[in-house]
Amino acid sequence: FTYNVDEKTGERTDFREQAVDHKAALAKIKASMKD
């Protein structure tokens, strides 16, 4: 999720410059989990 467009006004709001690095995120979660 990087942006949202208001369906009534059409106005765009940017929330992130780019998507989260899901590979790095999942690697962090995996390392934090018990076997």
Full PDB file with SEQRES, HELIX, SHEET, SSBOND, CRYST1, ORIGX, SCALE, CONECT and MASTER records, all heavy atoms in Angstrom:
SEQRES   1 A   35  PHE THR TYR ASN VAL ASP GLU LYS THR GLY GLU ARG THR          
SEQRES   2 A   35  ASP PHE ARG GLU GLN ALA VAL ASP HIS LYS ALA ALA LEU          
SEQRES   3 A   35  ALA LYS ILE LYS ALA SER MET LYS ASP                          
HELIX    1 AA1 HIS A   22  SER A   32  1                                  11    
SHEET    1 AA1 2 TYR A   3  VAL A   5  0                                        
SHEET    2 AA1 2 ARG A  12  ASP A  14 -1                                        
CRYST1    1.000    1.000    1.000  90.00  90.00  90.00 P 1           1          
ORIGX1      1.000000  0.000000  0.000000        0.00000                         
ORIGX2      0.000000  1.000000  0.000000        0.00000                         
ORIGX3      0.000000  0.000000  1.000000        0.00000                         
SCALE1      1.000000  0.000000  0.000000        0.00000                         
SCALE2      0.000000  1.000000  0.000000        0.00000                         
SCALE3      0.000000  0.000000  1.000000        0.00000                         
ATOM      1  N   PHE A   1       0.849  -1.192   0.000  1.00  0.00           N  
ATOM      2  CA  PHE A   1       0.000   0.000   0.000  1.00  0.00           C  
ATOM      3  C   PHE A   1       0.884   1.241   0.000  1.00  0.00           C  
ATOM      4  O   PHE A   1       1.641   1.475   0.937  1.00  0.00           O  
ATOM      5  CB  PHE A   1      -0.900  -0.011   1.240  1.00  0.00           C  
ATOM      6  CG  PHE A   1      -1.669   1.250   1.479  1.00  0.00           C  
ATOM      7  CD1 PHE A   1      -2.572   1.718   0.552  1.00  0.00           C  
ATOM      8  CD2 PHE A   1      -1.493   1.965   2.655  1.00  0.00           C  
ATOM      9  CE1 PHE A   1      -3.297   2.886   0.763  1.00  0.00           C  
ATOM     10  CE2 PHE A   1      -2.204   3.130   2.894  1.00  0.00           C  
ATOM     11  CZ  PHE A   1      -3.116   3.590   1.944  1.00  0.00           C  
ATOM     12  N   THR A   2       0.796   2.029  -1.056  1.00  0.00           N  
ATOM     13  CA  THR A   2       1.635   3.226  -1.167  1.00  0.00           C  
ATOM     14  C   THR A   2       0.828   4.514  -1.324  1.00  0.00           C  
ATOM     15  O   THR A   2       1.311   5.592  -1.017  1.00  0.00           O  
ATOM     16  CB  THR A   2       2.602   3.115  -2.355  1.00  0.00           C  
ATOM     17  OG1 THR A   2       1.849   2.924  -3.567  1.00  0.00           O  
ATOM     18  CG2 THR A   2       3.566   1.951  -2.169  1.00  0.00           C  
ATOM     19  N   TYR A   3      -0.414   4.401  -1.825  1.00  0.00           N  
ATOM     20  CA  TYR A   3      -1.212   5.612  -2.033  1.00  0.00           C  
ATOM     21  C   TYR A   3      -2.701   5.280  -1.916  1.00  0.00           C  
ATOM     22  O   TYR A   3      -3.110   4.120  -1.967  1.00  0.00           O  
ATOM     23  CB  TYR A   3      -0.936   6.221  -3.405  1.00  0.00           C  
ATOM     24  CG  TYR A   3      -1.430   5.381  -4.563  1.00  0.00           C  
ATOM     25  CD1 TYR A   3      -2.728   5.528  -5.068  1.00  0.00           C  
ATOM     26  CD2 TYR A   3      -0.614   4.429  -5.157  1.00  0.00           C  
ATOM     27  CE1 TYR A   3      -3.183   4.750  -6.119  1.00  0.00           C  
ATOM     28  CE2 TYR A   3      -1.067   3.649  -6.209  1.00  0.00           C  
ATOM     29  CZ  TYR A   3      -2.353   3.816  -6.687  1.00  0.00           C  
ATOM     30  OH  TYR A   3      -2.807   3.029  -7.717  1.00  0.00           O  
ATOM     31  N   ASN A   4      -3.491   6.327  -1.760  1.00  0.00           N  
ATOM     32  CA  ASN A   4      -4.940   6.165  -1.723  1.00  0.00           C  
ATOM     33  C   ASN A   4      -5.581   7.262  -2.558  1.00  0.00           C  
ATOM     34  O   ASN A   4      -5.112   8.404  -2.576  1.00  0.00           O  
ATOM     35  CB  ASN A   4      -5.454   6.244  -0.283  1.00  0.00           C  
ATOM     36  CG  ASN A   4      -6.939   5.947  -0.187  1.00  0.00           C  
ATOM     37  OD1 ASN A   4      -7.369   4.830  -0.476  1.00  0.00           O  
ATOM     38  ND2 ASN A   4      -7.726   6.929   0.198  1.00  0.00           N  
ATOM     39  N   VAL A   5      -6.633   6.905  -3.248  1.00  0.00           N  
ATOM     40  CA  VAL A   5      -7.374   7.877  -4.043  1.00  0.00           C  
ATOM     41  C   VAL A   5      -8.786   8.000  -3.478  1.00  0.00           C  
ATOM     42  O   VAL A   5      -9.507   7.001  -3.365  1.00  0.00           O  
ATOM     43  CB  VAL A   5      -7.445   7.462  -5.529  1.00  0.00           C  
ATOM     44  CG1 VAL A   5      -8.311   8.452  -6.307  1.00  0.00           C  
ATOM     45  CG2 VAL A   5      -6.052   7.390  -6.136  1.00  0.00           C  
ATOM     46  N   ASP A   6      -9.168   9.204  -3.111  1.00  0.00           N  
ATOM     47  CA  ASP A   6     -10.510   9.456  -2.598  1.00  0.00           C  
ATOM     48  C   ASP A   6     -11.513   9.237  -3.721  1.00  0.00           C  
ATOM     49  O   ASP A   6     -11.455   9.913  -4.758  1.00  0.00           O  
ATOM     50  CB  ASP A   6     -10.607  10.884  -2.056  1.00  0.00           C  
ATOM     51  CG  ASP A   6     -11.910  11.146  -1.322  1.00  0.00           C  
ATOM     52  OD1 ASP A   6     -12.982  11.018  -1.959  1.00  0.00           O  
ATOM     53  OD2 ASP A   6     -11.863  11.491  -0.134  1.00  0.00           O  
ATOM     54  N   GLU A   7     -12.427   8.298  -3.532  1.00  0.00           N  
ATOM     55  CA  GLU A   7     -13.363   7.951  -4.598  1.00  0.00           C  
ATOM     56  C   GLU A   7     -14.339   9.077  -4.911  1.00  0.00           C  
ATOM     57  O   GLU A   7     -14.883   9.142  -6.014  1.00  0.00           O  
ATOM     58  CB  GLU A   7     -14.122   6.676  -4.232  1.00  0.00           C  
ATOM     59  CG  GLU A   7     -13.223   5.453  -4.161  1.00  0.00           C  
ATOM     60  CD  GLU A   7     -14.018   4.166  -4.028  1.00  0.00           C  
ATOM     61  OE1 GLU A   7     -15.262   4.238  -3.936  1.00  0.00           O  
ATOM     62  OE2 GLU A   7     -13.391   3.096  -4.021  1.00  0.00           O  
ATOM     63  N   LYS A   8     -14.564   9.957  -3.957  1.00  0.00           N  
ATOM     64  CA  LYS A   8     -15.499  11.067  -4.188  1.00  0.00           C  
ATOM     65  C   LYS A   8     -14.833  12.255  -4.873  1.00  0.00           C  
ATOM     66  O   LYS A   8     -15.397  12.852  -5.791  1.00  0.00           O  
ATOM     67  CB  LYS A   8     -16.109  11.508  -2.856  1.00  0.00           C  
ATOM     68  CG  LYS A   8     -17.013  10.462  -2.223  1.00  0.00           C  
ATOM     69  CD  LYS A   8     -17.636  10.985  -0.936  1.00  0.00           C  
ATOM     70  CE  LYS A   8     -18.563   9.930  -0.332  1.00  0.00           C  
ATOM     71  NZ  LYS A   8     -19.176  10.420   0.950  1.00  0.00           N  
ATOM     72  N   THR A   9     -13.626  12.587  -4.416  1.00  0.00           N  
ATOM     73  CA  THR A   9     -12.950  13.773  -4.951  1.00  0.00           C  
ATOM     74  C   THR A   9     -11.890  13.446  -5.997  1.00  0.00           C  
ATOM     75  O   THR A   9     -11.485  14.315  -6.770  1.00  0.00           O  
ATOM     76  CB  THR A   9     -12.278  14.562  -3.817  1.00  0.00           C  
ATOM     77  OG1 THR A   9     -11.212  13.765  -3.259  1.00  0.00           O  
ATOM     78  CG2 THR A   9     -13.273  14.884  -2.716  1.00  0.00           C  
ATOM     79  N   GLY A  10     -11.435  12.192  -5.998  1.00  0.00           N  
ATOM     80  CA  GLY A  10     -10.369  11.818  -6.920  1.00  0.00           C  
ATOM     81  C   GLY A  10      -8.992  12.256  -6.444  1.00  0.00           C  
ATOM     82  O   GLY A  10      -7.987  12.041  -7.123  1.00  0.00           O  
ATOM     83  N   GLU A  11      -8.943  12.838  -5.239  1.00  0.00           N  
ATOM     84  CA  GLU A  11      -7.670  13.330  -4.716  1.00  0.00           C  
ATOM     85  C   GLU A  11      -6.788  12.160  -4.274  1.00  0.00           C  
ATOM     86  O   GLU A  11      -7.232  11.251  -3.592  1.00  0.00           O  
ATOM     87  CB  GLU A  11      -7.922  14.260  -3.535  1.00  0.00           C  
ATOM     88  CG  GLU A  11      -6.648  14.853  -2.939  1.00  0.00           C  
ATOM     89  CD  GLU A  11      -6.938  15.786  -1.774  1.00  0.00           C  
ATOM     90  OE1 GLU A  11      -8.119  16.025  -1.488  1.00  0.00           O  
ATOM     91  OE2 GLU A  11      -5.965  16.254  -1.164  1.00  0.00           O  
ATOM     92  N   ARG A  12      -5.532  12.218  -4.673  1.00  0.00           N  
ATOM     93  CA  ARG A  12      -4.585  11.155  -4.334  1.00  0.00           C  
ATOM     94  C   ARG A  12      -3.724  11.580  -3.147  1.00  0.00           C  
ATOM     95  O   ARG A  12      -3.222  12.706  -3.096  1.00  0.00           O  
ATOM     96  CB  ARG A  12      -3.701  10.826  -5.533  1.00  0.00           C  
ATOM     97  CG  ARG A  12      -2.548   9.881  -5.202  1.00  0.00           C  
ATOM     98  CD  ARG A  12      -1.848   9.400  -6.436  1.00  0.00           C  
ATOM     99  NE  ARG A  12      -0.563   8.748  -6.113  1.00  0.00           N  
ATOM    100  CZ  ARG A  12      -0.009   7.793  -6.835  1.00  0.00           C  
ATOM    101  NH1 ARG A  12      -0.598   7.383  -7.947  1.00  0.00           N  
ATOM    102  NH2 ARG A  12       1.148   7.266  -6.474  1.00  0.00           N  
ATOM    103  N   THR A  13      -3.545  10.651  -2.204  1.00  0.00           N  
ATOM    104  CA  THR A  13      -2.669  10.862  -1.062  1.00  0.00           C  
ATOM    105  C   THR A  13      -1.596   9.792  -1.080  1.00  0.00           C  
ATOM    106  O   THR A  13      -1.912   8.597  -1.091  1.00  0.00           O  
ATOM    107  CB  THR A  13      -3.446  10.783   0.265  1.00  0.00           C  
ATOM    108  OG1 THR A  13      -4.503  11.743   0.267  1.00  0.00           O  
ATOM    109  CG2 THR A  13      -2.515  11.042   1.441  1.00  0.00           C  
ATOM    110  N   ASP A  14      -0.344  10.189  -1.110  1.00  0.00           N  
ATOM    111  CA  ASP A  14       0.765   9.240  -1.101  1.00  0.00           C  
ATOM    112  C   ASP A  14       1.181   8.952   0.342  1.00  0.00           C  
ATOM    113  O   ASP A  14       1.343   9.868   1.153  1.00  0.00           O  
ATOM    114  CB  ASP A  14       1.956   9.801  -1.877  1.00  0.00           C  
ATOM    115  CG  ASP A  14       1.675   9.891  -3.366  1.00  0.00           C  
ATOM    116  OD1 ASP A  14       1.144   8.914  -3.921  1.00  0.00           O  
ATOM    117  OD2 ASP A  14       1.979  10.941  -3.977  1.00  0.00           O  
ATOM    118  N   PHE A  15       1.373   7.664   0.638  1.00  0.00           N  
ATOM    119  CA  PHE A  15       1.741   7.246   1.986  1.00  0.00           C  
ATOM    120  C   PHE A  15       3.169   6.702   2.060  1.00  0.00           C  
ATOM    121  O   PHE A  15       3.808   6.795   3.094  1.00  0.00           O  
ATOM    122  CB  PHE A  15       0.766   6.175   2.488  1.00  0.00           C  
ATOM    123  CG  PHE A  15      -0.598   6.715   2.801  1.00  0.00           C  
ATOM    124  CD1 PHE A  15      -1.612   6.645   1.855  1.00  0.00           C  
ATOM    125  CD2 PHE A  15      -0.874   7.308   4.017  1.00  0.00           C  
ATOM    126  CE1 PHE A  15      -2.882   7.147   2.132  1.00  0.00           C  
ATOM    127  CE2 PHE A  15      -2.124   7.817   4.313  1.00  0.00           C  
ATOM    128  CZ  PHE A  15      -3.136   7.732   3.359  1.00  0.00           C  
ATOM    129  N   ARG A  16       3.641   6.086   1.006  1.00  0.00           N  
ATOM    130  CA  ARG A  16       5.010   5.589   0.941  1.00  0.00           C  
ATOM    131  C   ARG A  16       5.602   5.950  -0.417  1.00  0.00           C  
ATOM    132  O   ARG A  16       4.882   6.026  -1.403  1.00  0.00           O  
ATOM    133  CB  ARG A  16       5.067   4.070   1.078  1.00  0.00           C  
ATOM    134  CG  ARG A  16       4.394   3.438   2.258  1.00  0.00           C  
ATOM    135  CD  ARG A  16       4.685   1.930   2.256  1.00  0.00           C  
ATOM    136  NE  ARG A  16       3.762   1.165   3.072  1.00  0.00           N  
ATOM    137  CZ  ARG A  16       3.905   0.958   4.374  1.00  0.00           C  
ATOM    138  NH1 ARG A  16       4.936   1.464   5.002  1.00  0.00           N  
ATOM    139  NH2 ARG A  16       3.021   0.234   5.052  1.00  0.00           N  
ATOM    140  N   GLU A  17       6.905   6.119  -0.446  1.00  0.00           N  
ATOM    141  CA  GLU A  17       7.578   6.339  -1.723  1.00  0.00           C  
ATOM    142  C   GLU A  17       7.606   5.047  -2.537  1.00  0.00           C  
ATOM    143  O   GLU A  17       7.573   5.082  -3.767  1.00  0.00           O  
ATOM    144  CB  GLU A  17       9.004   6.847  -1.504  1.00  0.00           C  
ATOM    145  CG  GLU A  17       9.068   8.256  -0.919  1.00  0.00           C  
ATOM    146  CD  GLU A  17      10.496   8.759  -0.813  1.00  0.00           C  
ATOM    147  OE1 GLU A  17      11.422   8.025  -1.236  1.00  0.00           O  
ATOM    148  OE2 GLU A  17      10.679   9.878  -0.318  1.00  0.00           O  
ATOM    149  N   GLN A  18       7.678   3.921  -1.842  1.00  0.00           N  
ATOM    150  CA  GLN A  18       7.677   2.621  -2.504  1.00  0.00           C  
ATOM    151  C   GLN A  18       7.153   1.570  -1.532  1.00  0.00           C  
ATOM    152  O   GLN A  18       7.055   1.809  -0.331  1.00  0.00           O  
ATOM    153  CB  GLN A  18       9.082   2.248  -2.966  1.00  0.00           C  
ATOM    154  CG  GLN A  18      10.104   2.190  -1.843  1.00  0.00           C  
ATOM    155  CD  GLN A  18      11.514   1.969  -2.373  1.00  0.00           C  
ATOM    156  OE1 GLN A  18      11.761   2.039  -3.569  1.00  0.00           O  
ATOM    157  NE2 GLN A  18      12.437   1.687  -1.476  1.00  0.00           N  
ATOM    158  N   ALA A  19       6.807   0.421  -2.070  1.00  0.00           N  
ATOM    159  CA  ALA A  19       6.285  -0.657  -1.240  1.00  0.00           C  
ATOM    160  C   ALA A  19       7.335  -1.116  -0.235  1.00  0.00           C  
ATOM    161  O   ALA A  19       8.544  -0.932  -0.434  1.00  0.00           O  
ATOM    162  CB  ALA A  19       5.855  -1.827  -2.122  1.00  0.00           C  
ATOM    163  N   VAL A  20       6.868  -1.726   0.839  1.00  0.00           N  
ATOM    164  CA  VAL A  20       7.771  -2.310   1.834  1.00  0.00           C  
ATOM    165  C   VAL A  20       8.560  -3.436   1.167  1.00  0.00           C  
ATOM    166  O   VAL A  20       8.037  -4.167   0.315  1.00  0.00           O  
ATOM    167  CB  VAL A  20       6.963  -2.859   3.028  1.00  0.00           C  
ATOM    168  CG1 VAL A  20       7.864  -3.613   3.999  1.00  0.00           C  
ATOM    169  CG2 VAL A  20       6.227  -1.725   3.747  1.00  0.00           C  
ATOM    170  N   ASP A  21       9.810  -3.566   1.539  1.00  0.00           N  
ATOM    171  CA  ASP A  21      10.632  -4.681   1.048  1.00  0.00           C  
ATOM    172  C   ASP A  21      10.118  -5.956   1.724  1.00  0.00           C  
ATOM    173  O   ASP A  21      10.535  -6.290   2.833  1.00  0.00           O  
ATOM    174  CB  ASP A  21      12.100  -4.428   1.396  1.00  0.00           C  
ATOM    175  CG  ASP A  21      13.033  -5.515   0.869  1.00  0.00           C  
ATOM    176  OD1 ASP A  21      12.546  -6.592   0.472  1.00  0.00           O  
ATOM    177  OD2 ASP A  21      14.262  -5.285   0.875  1.00  0.00           O  
ATOM    178  N   HIS A  22       9.205  -6.646   1.052  1.00  0.00           N  
ATOM    179  CA  HIS A  22       8.563  -7.794   1.688  1.00  0.00           C  
ATOM    180  C   HIS A  22       9.542  -8.941   1.943  1.00  0.00           C  
ATOM    181  O   HIS A  22       9.377  -9.694   2.901  1.00  0.00           O  
ATOM    182  CB  HIS A  22       7.391  -8.295   0.842  1.00  0.00           C  
ATOM    183  CG  HIS A  22       7.780  -8.934  -0.447  1.00  0.00           C  
ATOM    184  ND1 HIS A  22       8.040  -8.203  -1.586  1.00  0.00           N  
ATOM    185  CD2 HIS A  22       7.961 -10.235  -0.783  1.00  0.00           C  
ATOM    186  CE1 HIS A  22       8.369  -9.027  -2.575  1.00  0.00           C  
ATOM    187  NE2 HIS A  22       8.327 -10.267  -2.110  1.00  0.00           N  
ATOM    188  N   LYS A  23      10.568  -9.051   1.120  1.00  0.00           N  
ATOM    189  CA  LYS A  23      11.548 -10.121   1.326  1.00  0.00           C  
ATOM    190  C   LYS A  23      12.303  -9.912   2.635  1.00  0.00           C  
ATOM    191  O   LYS A  23      12.493 -10.845   3.420  1.00  0.00           O  
ATOM    192  CB  LYS A  23      12.515 -10.202   0.155  1.00  0.00           C  
ATOM    193  CG  LYS A  23      11.865 -10.655  -1.143  1.00  0.00           C  
ATOM    194  CD  LYS A  23      12.891 -10.792  -2.255  1.00  0.00           C  
ATOM    195  CE  LYS A  23      12.244 -11.267  -3.560  1.00  0.00           C  
ATOM    196  NZ  LYS A  23      13.239 -11.416  -4.644  1.00  0.00           N  
ATOM    197  N   ALA A  24      12.717  -8.675   2.874  1.00  0.00           N  
ATOM    198  CA  ALA A  24      13.421  -8.363   4.120  1.00  0.00           C  
ATOM    199  C   ALA A  24      12.487  -8.493   5.318  1.00  0.00           C  
ATOM    200  O   ALA A  24      12.871  -8.987   6.384  1.00  0.00           O  
ATOM    201  CB  ALA A  24      14.007  -6.952   4.053  1.00  0.00           C  
ATOM    202  N   ALA A  25      11.227  -8.053   5.141  1.00  0.00           N  
ATOM    203  CA  ALA A  25      10.252  -8.138   6.231  1.00  0.00           C  
ATOM    204  C   ALA A  25       9.969  -9.588   6.609  1.00  0.00           C  
ATOM    205  O   ALA A  25       9.968  -9.950   7.795  1.00  0.00           O  
ATOM    206  CB  ALA A  25       8.954  -7.440   5.826  1.00  0.00           C  
ATOM    207  N   LEU A  26       9.760 -10.435   5.607  1.00  0.00           N  
ATOM    208  CA  LEU A  26       9.470 -11.840   5.886  1.00  0.00           C  
ATOM    209  C   LEU A  26      10.678 -12.548   6.484  1.00  0.00           C  
ATOM    210  O   LEU A  26      10.534 -13.432   7.340  1.00  0.00           O  
ATOM    211  CB  LEU A  26       9.013 -12.541   4.609  1.00  0.00           C  
ATOM    212  CG  LEU A  26       7.655 -12.091   4.061  1.00  0.00           C  
ATOM    213  CD1 LEU A  26       7.348 -12.795   2.746  1.00  0.00           C  
ATOM    214  CD2 LEU A  26       6.537 -12.354   5.075  1.00  0.00           C  
ATOM    215  N   ALA A  27      11.863 -12.162   6.063  1.00  0.00           N  
ATOM    216  CA  ALA A  27      13.075 -12.754   6.633  1.00  0.00           C  
ATOM    217  C   ALA A  27      13.199 -12.404   8.112  1.00  0.00           C  
ATOM    218  O   ALA A  27      13.602 -13.245   8.933  1.00  0.00           O  
ATOM    219  CB  ALA A  27      14.307 -12.275   5.872  1.00  0.00           C  
ATOM    220  N   LYS A  28      12.850 -11.165   8.467  1.00  0.00           N  
ATOM    221  CA  LYS A  28      12.896 -10.740   9.867  1.00  0.00           C  
ATOM    222  C   LYS A  28      11.892 -11.526  10.700  1.00  0.00           C  
ATOM    223  O   LYS A  28      12.202 -11.999  11.814  1.00  0.00           O  
ATOM    224  CB  LYS A  28      12.597  -9.240   9.966  1.00  0.00           C  
ATOM    225  CG  LYS A  28      12.468  -8.706  11.392  1.00  0.00           C  
ATOM    226  CD  LYS A  28      13.766  -8.802  12.161  1.00  0.00           C  
ATOM    227  CE  LYS A  28      13.623  -8.160  13.528  1.00  0.00           C  
ATOM    228  NZ  LYS A  28      14.887  -8.180  14.285  1.00  0.00           N  
ATOM    229  N   ILE A  29      10.681 -11.678  10.180  1.00  0.00           N  
ATOM    230  CA  ILE A  29       9.647 -12.424  10.900  1.00  0.00           C  
ATOM    231  C   ILE A  29      10.069 -13.875  11.081  1.00  0.00           C  
ATOM    232  O   ILE A  29       9.947 -14.445  12.170  1.00  0.00           O  
ATOM    233  CB  ILE A  29       8.305 -12.334  10.148  1.00  0.00           C  
ATOM    234  CG1 ILE A  29       7.825 -10.882  10.100  1.00  0.00           C  
ATOM    235  CG2 ILE A  29       7.255 -13.235  10.816  1.00  0.00           C  
ATOM    236  CD1 ILE A  29       6.718 -10.632   9.099  1.00  0.00           C  
ATOM    237  N   LYS A  30      10.584 -14.464  10.033  1.00  0.00           N  
ATOM    238  CA  LYS A  30      11.010 -15.868  10.091  1.00  0.00           C  
ATOM    239  C   LYS A  30      12.089 -16.071  11.141  1.00  0.00           C  
ATOM    240  O   LYS A  30      12.057 -17.030  11.918  1.00  0.00           O  
ATOM    241  CB  LYS A  30      11.508 -16.318   8.715  1.00  0.00           C  
ATOM    242  CG  LYS A  30      11.870 -17.795   8.647  1.00  0.00           C  
ATOM    243  CD  LYS A  30      12.357 -18.171   7.248  1.00  0.00           C  
ATOM    244  CE  LYS A  30      12.704 -19.656   7.178  1.00  0.00           C  
ATOM    245  NZ  LYS A  30      13.257 -20.032   5.852  1.00  0.00           N  
ATOM    246  N   ALA A  31      13.051 -15.154  11.177  1.00  0.00           N  
ATOM    247  CA  ALA A  31      14.140 -15.268  12.149  1.00  0.00           C  
ATOM    248  C   ALA A  31      13.630 -15.119  13.576  1.00  0.00           C  
ATOM    249  O   ALA A  31      14.214 -15.680  14.517  1.00  0.00           O  
ATOM    250  CB  ALA A  31      15.197 -14.209  11.866  1.00  0.00           C  
ATOM    251  N   SER A  32      12.534 -14.397  13.758  1.00  0.00           N  
ATOM    252  CA  SER A  32      11.987 -14.162  15.096  1.00  0.00           C  
ATOM    253  C   SER A  32      11.112 -15.310  15.578  1.00  0.00           C  
ATOM    254  O   SER A  32      10.789 -15.396  16.764  1.00  0.00           O  
ATOM    255  CB  SER A  32      11.161 -12.871  15.098  1.00  0.00           C  
ATOM    256  OG  SER A  32      11.951 -11.757  14.720  1.00  0.00           O  
ATOM    257  N   MET A  33      10.719 -16.202  14.675  1.00  0.00           N  
ATOM    258  CA  MET A  33       9.831 -17.306  15.027  1.00  0.00           C  
ATOM    259  C   MET A  33      10.598 -18.511  15.542  1.00  0.00           C  
ATOM    260  O   MET A  33      11.697 -18.799  15.085  1.00  0.00           O  
ATOM    261  CB  MET A  33       9.008 -17.726  13.797  1.00  0.00           C  
ATOM    262  CG  MET A  33       7.969 -16.718  13.360  1.00  0.00           C  
ATOM    263  SD  MET A  33       7.227 -17.158  11.748  1.00  0.00           S  
ATOM    264  CE  MET A  33       6.602 -18.822  12.076  1.00  0.00           C  
ATOM    265  N   LYS A  34       9.988 -19.217  16.493  1.00  0.00           N  
ATOM    266  CA  LYS A  34      10.530 -20.502  16.915  1.00  0.00           C  
ATOM    267  C   LYS A  34      10.473 -21.485  15.747  1.00  0.00           C  
ATOM    268  O   LYS A  34       9.701 -21.292  14.803  1.00  0.00           O  
ATOM    269  CB  LYS A  34       9.736 -21.060  18.091  1.00  0.00           C  
ATOM    270  CG  LYS A  34       9.845 -20.253  19.374  1.00  0.00           C  
ATOM    271  CD  LYS A  34       8.996 -20.867  20.481  1.00  0.00           C  
ATOM    272  CE  LYS A  34       9.121 -20.088  21.784  1.00  0.00           C  
ATOM    273  NZ  LYS A  34       8.258 -20.662  22.850  1.00  0.00           N  
ATOM    274  N   ASP A  35      11.253 -22.526  15.828  1.00  0.00           N  
ATOM    275  CA  ASP A  35      11.261 -23.502  14.736  1.00  0.00           C  
ATOM    276  C   ASP A  35       9.905 -24.163  14.542  1.00  0.00           C  
ATOM    277  O   ASP A  35       9.568 -24.578  13.428  1.00  0.00           O  
ATOM    278  CB  ASP A  35      12.337 -24.564  14.985  1.00  0.00           C  
ATOM    279  CG  ASP A  35      13.748 -24.003  14.840  1.00  0.00           C  
ATOM    280  OD1 ASP A  35      13.907 -22.966  14.152  1.00  0.00           O  
ATOM    281  OD2 ASP A  35      14.683 -24.596  15.413  1.00  0.00           O  
TER     282      ASP A  35                                                      
MASTER        0    0    0    1    2    0    0    6  281    1    0    3          
END                                                                             
